[in-house]
Amino acid sequence: SLVSFLSAGLVQVAVFLAPFALVFVP
């Protein structure tokens, strides 16, 4: 299921990875 795979990946990036980069963005 490509939809499930991509959805899980987007959640991982948005929720568990992106905040670590956004803390450096004013």
PDB file of all heavy atoms in Angstrom:
ATOM      1  N   SER A   1       0.848  -1.196   0.000  1.00  0.00           N
ATOM      2  CA  SER A   1       0.000   0.000   0.000  1.00  0.00           C
ATOM      3  C   SER A   1       0.881   1.242   0.000  1.00  0.00           C
ATOM      4  O   SER A   1       1.427   1.628   1.044  1.00  0.00           O
ATOM      5  CB  SER A   1      -0.916   0.011   1.223  1.00  0.00           C
ATOM      6  OG  SER A   1      -1.607   1.249   1.297  1.00  0.00           O
ATOM      7  N   LEU A   2       1.030   1.858  -1.165  1.00  0.00           N
ATOM      8  CA  LEU A   2       1.851   3.058  -1.274  1.00  0.00           C
ATOM      9  C   LEU A   2       1.260   4.198  -0.452  1.00  0.00           C
ATOM     10  O   LEU A   2       1.999   4.974   0.163  1.00  0.00           O
ATOM     11  CB  LEU A   2       1.975   3.475  -2.738  1.00  0.00           C
ATOM     12  CG  LEU A   2       2.838   4.707  -3.021  1.00  0.00           C
ATOM     13  CD1 LEU A   2       4.260   4.485  -2.529  1.00  0.00           C
ATOM     14  CD2 LEU A   2       2.826   5.035  -4.504  1.00  0.00           C
ATOM     15  N   VAL A   3      -0.065   4.300  -0.400  1.00  0.00           N
ATOM     16  CA  VAL A   3      -0.717   5.365   0.367  1.00  0.00           C
ATOM     17  C   VAL A   3      -0.371   5.245   1.847  1.00  0.00           C
ATOM     18  O   VAL A   3       0.001   6.224   2.502  1.00  0.00           O
ATOM     19  CB  VAL A   3      -2.241   5.332   0.161  1.00  0.00           C
ATOM     20  CG1 VAL A   3      -2.936   6.314   1.100  1.00  0.00           C
ATOM     21  CG2 VAL A   3      -2.589   5.662  -1.284  1.00  0.00           C
ATOM     22  N   SER A   4      -0.478   4.034   2.397  1.00  0.00           N
ATOM     23  CA  SER A   4      -0.170   3.829   3.812  1.00  0.00           C
ATOM     24  C   SER A   4       1.305   4.092   4.095  1.00  0.00           C
ATOM     25  O   SER A   4       1.665   4.708   5.103  1.00  0.00           O
ATOM     26  CB  SER A   4      -0.528   2.400   4.231  1.00  0.00           C
ATOM     27  OG  SER A   4      -1.910   2.177   4.103  1.00  0.00           O
ATOM     28  N   PHE A   5       2.146   3.643   3.184  1.00  0.00           N
ATOM     29  CA  PHE A   5       3.585   3.831   3.344  1.00  0.00           C
ATOM     30  C   PHE A   5       3.947   5.309   3.373  1.00  0.00           C
ATOM     31  O   PHE A   5       4.660   5.782   4.264  1.00  0.00           O
ATOM     32  CB  PHE A   5       4.302   3.121   2.194  1.00  0.00           C
ATOM     33  CG  PHE A   5       5.795   3.296   2.191  1.00  0.00           C
ATOM     34  CD1 PHE A   5       6.597   2.516   3.002  1.00  0.00           C
ATOM     35  CD2 PHE A   5       6.398   4.228   1.357  1.00  0.00           C
ATOM     36  CE1 PHE A   5       7.974   2.667   2.992  1.00  0.00           C
ATOM     37  CE2 PHE A   5       7.773   4.386   1.335  1.00  0.00           C
ATOM     38  CZ  PHE A   5       8.562   3.598   2.156  1.00  0.00           C
ATOM     39  N   LEU A   6       3.429   6.069   2.407  1.00  0.00           N
ATOM     40  CA  LEU A   6       3.728   7.497   2.330  1.00  0.00           C
ATOM     41  C   LEU A   6       3.105   8.254   3.500  1.00  0.00           C
ATOM     42  O   LEU A   6       3.717   9.182   4.044  1.00  0.00           O
ATOM     43  CB  LEU A   6       3.232   8.072   1.005  1.00  0.00           C
ATOM     44  CG  LEU A   6       3.972   7.590  -0.249  1.00  0.00           C
ATOM     45  CD1 LEU A   6       3.332   8.186  -1.501  1.00  0.00           C
ATOM     46  CD2 LEU A   6       5.457   7.943  -0.186  1.00  0.00           C
ATOM     47  N   SER A   7       1.908   7.869   3.905  1.00  0.00           N
ATOM     48  CA  SER A   7       1.249   8.533   5.028  1.00  0.00           C
ATOM     49  C   SER A   7       2.060   8.360   6.308  1.00  0.00           C
ATOM     50  O   SER A   7       2.261   9.314   7.066  1.00  0.00           O
ATOM     51  CB  SER A   7      -0.162   7.970   5.227  1.00  0.00           C
ATOM     52  OG  SER A   7      -0.971   8.231   4.098  1.00  0.00           O
ATOM     53  N   ALA A   8       2.527   7.133   6.545  1.00  0.00           N
ATOM     54  CA  ALA A   8       3.336   6.880   7.738  1.00  0.00           C
ATOM     55  C   ALA A   8       4.632   7.682   7.684  1.00  0.00           C
ATOM     56  O   ALA A   8       5.072   8.246   8.698  1.00  0.00           O
ATOM     57  CB  ALA A   8       3.635   5.387   7.848  1.00  0.00           C
ATOM     58  N   GLY A   9       5.241   7.751   6.505  1.00  0.00           N
ATOM     59  CA  GLY A   9       6.472   8.521   6.364  1.00  0.00           C
ATOM     60  C   GLY A   9       6.255  10.001   6.607  1.00  0.00           C
ATOM     61  O   GLY A   9       7.068  10.658   7.282  1.00  0.00           O
ATOM     62  N   LEU A  10       5.163  10.548   6.099  1.00  0.00           N
ATOM     63  CA  LEU A  10       4.861  11.975   6.297  1.00  0.00           C
ATOM     64  C   LEU A  10       4.613  12.291   7.767  1.00  0.00           C
ATOM     65  O   LEU A  10       5.034  13.342   8.272  1.00  0.00           O
ATOM     66  CB  LEU A  10       3.654  12.372   5.453  1.00  0.00           C
ATOM     67  CG  LEU A  10       3.897  12.457   3.942  1.00  0.00           C
ATOM     68  CD1 LEU A  10       2.581  12.698   3.202  1.00  0.00           C
ATOM     69  CD2 LEU A  10       4.894  13.568   3.617  1.00  0.00           C
ATOM     70  N   VAL A  11       3.935  11.391   8.467  1.00  0.00           N
ATOM     71  CA  VAL A  11       3.702  11.586   9.902  1.00  0.00           C
ATOM     72  C   VAL A  11       5.037  11.593  10.654  1.00  0.00           C
ATOM     73  O   VAL A  11       5.267  12.436  11.535  1.00  0.00           O
ATOM     74  CB  VAL A  11       2.771  10.495  10.457  1.00  0.00           C
ATOM     75  CG1 VAL A  11       2.754  10.522  11.979  1.00  0.00           C
ATOM     76  CG2 VAL A  11       1.362  10.688   9.920  1.00  0.00           C
ATOM     77  N   GLN A  12       5.911  10.660  10.304  1.00  0.00           N
ATOM     78  CA  GLN A  12       7.217  10.600  10.971  1.00  0.00           C
ATOM     79  C   GLN A  12       7.998  11.894  10.764  1.00  0.00           C
ATOM     80  O   GLN A  12       8.594  12.436  11.696  1.00  0.00           O
ATOM     81  CB  GLN A  12       8.022   9.415  10.433  1.00  0.00           C
ATOM     82  CG  GLN A  12       7.496   8.065  10.838  1.00  0.00           C
ATOM     83  CD  GLN A  12       7.588   7.821  12.329  1.00  0.00           C
ATOM     84  OE1 GLN A  12       8.591   8.145  12.969  1.00  0.00           O
ATOM     85  NE2 GLN A  12       6.543   7.263  12.896  1.00  0.00           N
ATOM     86  N   VAL A  13       7.990  12.393   9.526  1.00  0.00           N
ATOM     87  CA  VAL A  13       8.733  13.619   9.220  1.00  0.00           C
ATOM     88  C   VAL A  13       8.110  14.820   9.923  1.00  0.00           C
ATOM     89  O   VAL A  13       8.807  15.609  10.583  1.00  0.00           O
ATOM     90  CB  VAL A  13       8.785  13.867   7.702  1.00  0.00           C
ATOM     91  CG1 VAL A  13       9.374  15.237   7.400  1.00  0.00           C
ATOM     92  CG2 VAL A  13       9.621  12.786   7.026  1.00  0.00           C
ATOM     93  N   ALA A  14       6.785  14.970   9.803  1.00  0.00           N
ATOM     94  CA  ALA A  14       6.105  16.164  10.327  1.00  0.00           C
ATOM     95  C   ALA A  14       6.089  16.214  11.840  1.00  0.00           C
ATOM     96  O   ALA A  14       6.284  17.281  12.436  1.00  0.00           O
ATOM     97  CB  ALA A  14       4.674  16.217   9.785  1.00  0.00           C
ATOM     98  N   VAL A  15       5.885  15.078  12.480  1.00  0.00           N
ATOM     99  CA  VAL A  15       5.685  15.073  13.936  1.00  0.00           C
ATOM    100  C   VAL A  15       6.973  14.804  14.701  1.00  0.00           C
ATOM    101  O   VAL A  15       7.239  15.436  15.727  1.00  0.00           O
ATOM    102  CB  VAL A  15       4.609  14.030  14.323  1.00  0.00           C
ATOM    103  CG1 VAL A  15       4.420  13.987  15.841  1.00  0.00           C
ATOM    104  CG2 VAL A  15       3.291  14.352  13.636  1.00  0.00           C
ATOM    105  N   PHE A  16       7.800  13.888  14.194  1.00  0.00           N
ATOM    106  CA  PHE A  16       8.928  13.425  14.991  1.00  0.00           C
ATOM    107  C   PHE A  16      10.298  13.887  14.498  1.00  0.00           C
ATOM    108  O   PHE A  16      11.295  13.637  15.160  1.00  0.00           O
ATOM    109  CB  PHE A  16       8.903  11.893  15.065  1.00  0.00           C
ATOM    110  CG  PHE A  16       7.691  11.351  15.739  1.00  0.00           C
ATOM    111  CD1 PHE A  16       6.717  10.690  15.012  1.00  0.00           C
ATOM    112  CD2 PHE A  16       7.501  11.523  17.109  1.00  0.00           C
ATOM    113  CE1 PHE A  16       5.581  10.192  15.630  1.00  0.00           C
ATOM    114  CE2 PHE A  16       6.376  11.028  17.740  1.00  0.00           C
ATOM    115  CZ  PHE A  16       5.403  10.364  17.008  1.00  0.00           C
ATOM    116  N   LEU A  17      10.348  14.549  13.327  1.00  0.00           N
ATOM    117  CA  LEU A  17      11.647  15.005  12.822  1.00  0.00           C
ATOM    118  C   LEU A  17      11.677  16.503  12.547  1.00  0.00           C
ATOM    119  O   LEU A  17      12.610  17.188  12.976  1.00  0.00           O
ATOM    120  CB  LEU A  17      12.002  14.240  11.543  1.00  0.00           C
ATOM    121  CG  LEU A  17      13.371  14.535  10.930  1.00  0.00           C
ATOM    122  CD1 LEU A  17      14.492  14.250  11.924  1.00  0.00           C
ATOM    123  CD2 LEU A  17      13.577  13.726   9.653  1.00  0.00           C
ATOM    124  N   ALA A  18      10.677  17.027  11.871  1.00  0.00           N
ATOM    125  CA  ALA A  18      10.668  18.443  11.485  1.00  0.00           C
ATOM    126  C   ALA A  18      10.851  19.407  12.663  1.00  0.00           C
ATOM    127  O   ALA A  18      11.560  20.414  12.518  1.00  0.00           O
ATOM    128  CB  ALA A  18       9.374  18.770  10.741  1.00  0.00           C
ATOM    129  N   PRO A  19      10.265  19.151  13.842  1.00  0.00           N
ATOM    130  CA  PRO A  19      10.454  20.102  14.959  1.00  0.00           C
ATOM    131  C   PRO A  19      11.912  20.332  15.330  1.00  0.00           C
ATOM    132  O   PRO A  19      12.267  21.429  15.788  1.00  0.00           O
ATOM    133  CB  PRO A  19       9.689  19.429  16.108  1.00  0.00           C
ATOM    134  CG  PRO A  19       8.647  18.613  15.438  1.00  0.00           C
ATOM    135  CD  PRO A  19       9.304  18.088  14.197  1.00  0.00           C
ATOM    136  N   PHE A  20      12.766  19.341  15.112  1.00  0.00           N
ATOM    137  CA  PHE A  20      14.179  19.497  15.457  1.00  0.00           C
ATOM    138  C   PHE A  20      14.887  20.468  14.513  1.00  0.00           C
ATOM    139  O   PHE A  20      15.932  21.026  14.860  1.00  0.00           O
ATOM    140  CB  PHE A  20      14.875  18.131  15.442  1.00  0.00           C
ATOM    141  CG  PHE A  20      14.448  17.234  16.565  1.00  0.00           C
ATOM    142  CD1 PHE A  20      13.324  16.439  16.447  1.00  0.00           C
ATOM    143  CD2 PHE A  20      15.159  17.222  17.761  1.00  0.00           C
ATOM    144  CE1 PHE A  20      12.917  15.621  17.487  1.00  0.00           C
ATOM    145  CE2 PHE A  20      14.765  16.409  18.803  1.00  0.00           C
ATOM    146  CZ  PHE A  20      13.628  15.613  18.675  1.00  0.00           C
ATOM    147  N   ALA A  21      14.344  20.667  13.327  1.00  0.00           N
ATOM    148  CA  ALA A  21      14.873  21.669  12.405  1.00  0.00           C
ATOM    149  C   ALA A  21      14.209  23.023  12.628  1.00  0.00           C
ATOM    150  O   ALA A  21      14.857  24.074  12.558  1.00  0.00           O
ATOM    151  CB  ALA A  21      14.668  21.214  10.961  1.00  0.00           C
ATOM    152  N   LEU A  22      12.909  23.004  12.942  1.00  0.00           N
ATOM    153  CA  LEU A  22      12.147  24.248  13.077  1.00  0.00           C
ATOM    154  C   LEU A  22      12.545  25.059  14.304  1.00  0.00           C
ATOM    155  O   LEU A  22      12.286  26.266  14.352  1.00  0.00           O
ATOM    156  CB  LEU A  22      10.647  23.933  13.133  1.00  0.00           C
ATOM    157  CG  LEU A  22      10.057  23.347  11.835  1.00  0.00           C
ATOM    158  CD1 LEU A  22       8.589  22.998  12.023  1.00  0.00           C
ATOM    159  CD2 LEU A  22      10.225  24.328  10.676  1.00  0.00           C
ATOM    160  N   VAL A  23      13.177  24.427  15.289  1.00  0.00           N
ATOM    161  CA  VAL A  23      13.611  25.195  16.467  1.00  0.00           C
ATOM    162  C   VAL A  23      14.683  26.208  16.101  1.00  0.00           C
ATOM    163  O   VAL A  23      14.943  27.149  16.870  1.00  0.00           O
ATOM    164  CB  VAL A  23      14.141  24.270  17.599  1.00  0.00           C
ATOM    165  CG1 VAL A  23      13.034  23.423  18.177  1.00  0.00           C
ATOM    166  CG2 VAL A  23      15.287  23.401  17.099  1.00  0.00           C
ATOM    167  N   PHE A  24      15.321  26.026  14.951  1.00  0.00           N
ATOM    168  CA  PHE A  24      16.362  26.954  14.528  1.00  0.00           C
ATOM    169  C   PHE A  24      15.831  28.023  13.569  1.00  0.00           C
ATOM    170  O   PHE A  24      16.586  28.863  13.087  1.00  0.00           O
ATOM    171  CB  PHE A  24      17.510  26.189  13.854  1.00  0.00           C
ATOM    172  CG  PHE A  24      18.186  25.209  14.766  1.00  0.00           C
ATOM    173  CD1 PHE A  24      17.931  23.848  14.661  1.00  0.00           C
ATOM    174  CD2 PHE A  24      19.070  25.655  15.744  1.00  0.00           C
ATOM    175  CE1 PHE A  24      18.547  22.939  15.502  1.00  0.00           C
ATOM    176  CE2 PHE A  24      19.707  24.750  16.591  1.00  0.00           C
ATOM    177  CZ  PHE A  24      19.437  23.398  16.479  1.00  0.00           C
ATOM    178  N   VAL A  25      14.531  27.980  13.291  1.00  0.00           N
ATOM    179  CA  VAL A  25      13.920  28.936  12.369  1.00  0.00           C
ATOM    180  C   VAL A  25      13.215  30.028  13.170  1.00  0.00           C
ATOM    181  O   VAL A  25      12.262  29.740  13.901  1.00  0.00           O
ATOM    182  CB  VAL A  25      12.913  28.240  11.432  1.00  0.00           C
ATOM    183  CG1 VAL A  25      12.267  29.261  10.499  1.00  0.00           C
ATOM    184  CG2 VAL A  25      13.606  27.138  10.631  1.00  0.00           C
ATOM    185  N   PRO A  26      13.672  31.279  13.071  1.00  0.00           N
ATOM    186  CA  PRO A  26      13.013  32.365  13.827  1.00  0.00           C
ATOM    187  C   PRO A  26      11.558  32.517  13.402  1.00  0.00           C
ATOM    188  O   PRO A  26      11.200  32.305  12.241  1.00  0.00           O
ATOM    189  CB  PRO A  26      13.833  33.606  13.438  1.00  0.00           C
ATOM    190  CG  PRO A  26      15.132  33.072  12.928  1.00  0.00           C
ATOM    191  CD  PRO A  26      14.818  31.766  12.282  1.00  0.00           C
TER     192      PRO A  26
END
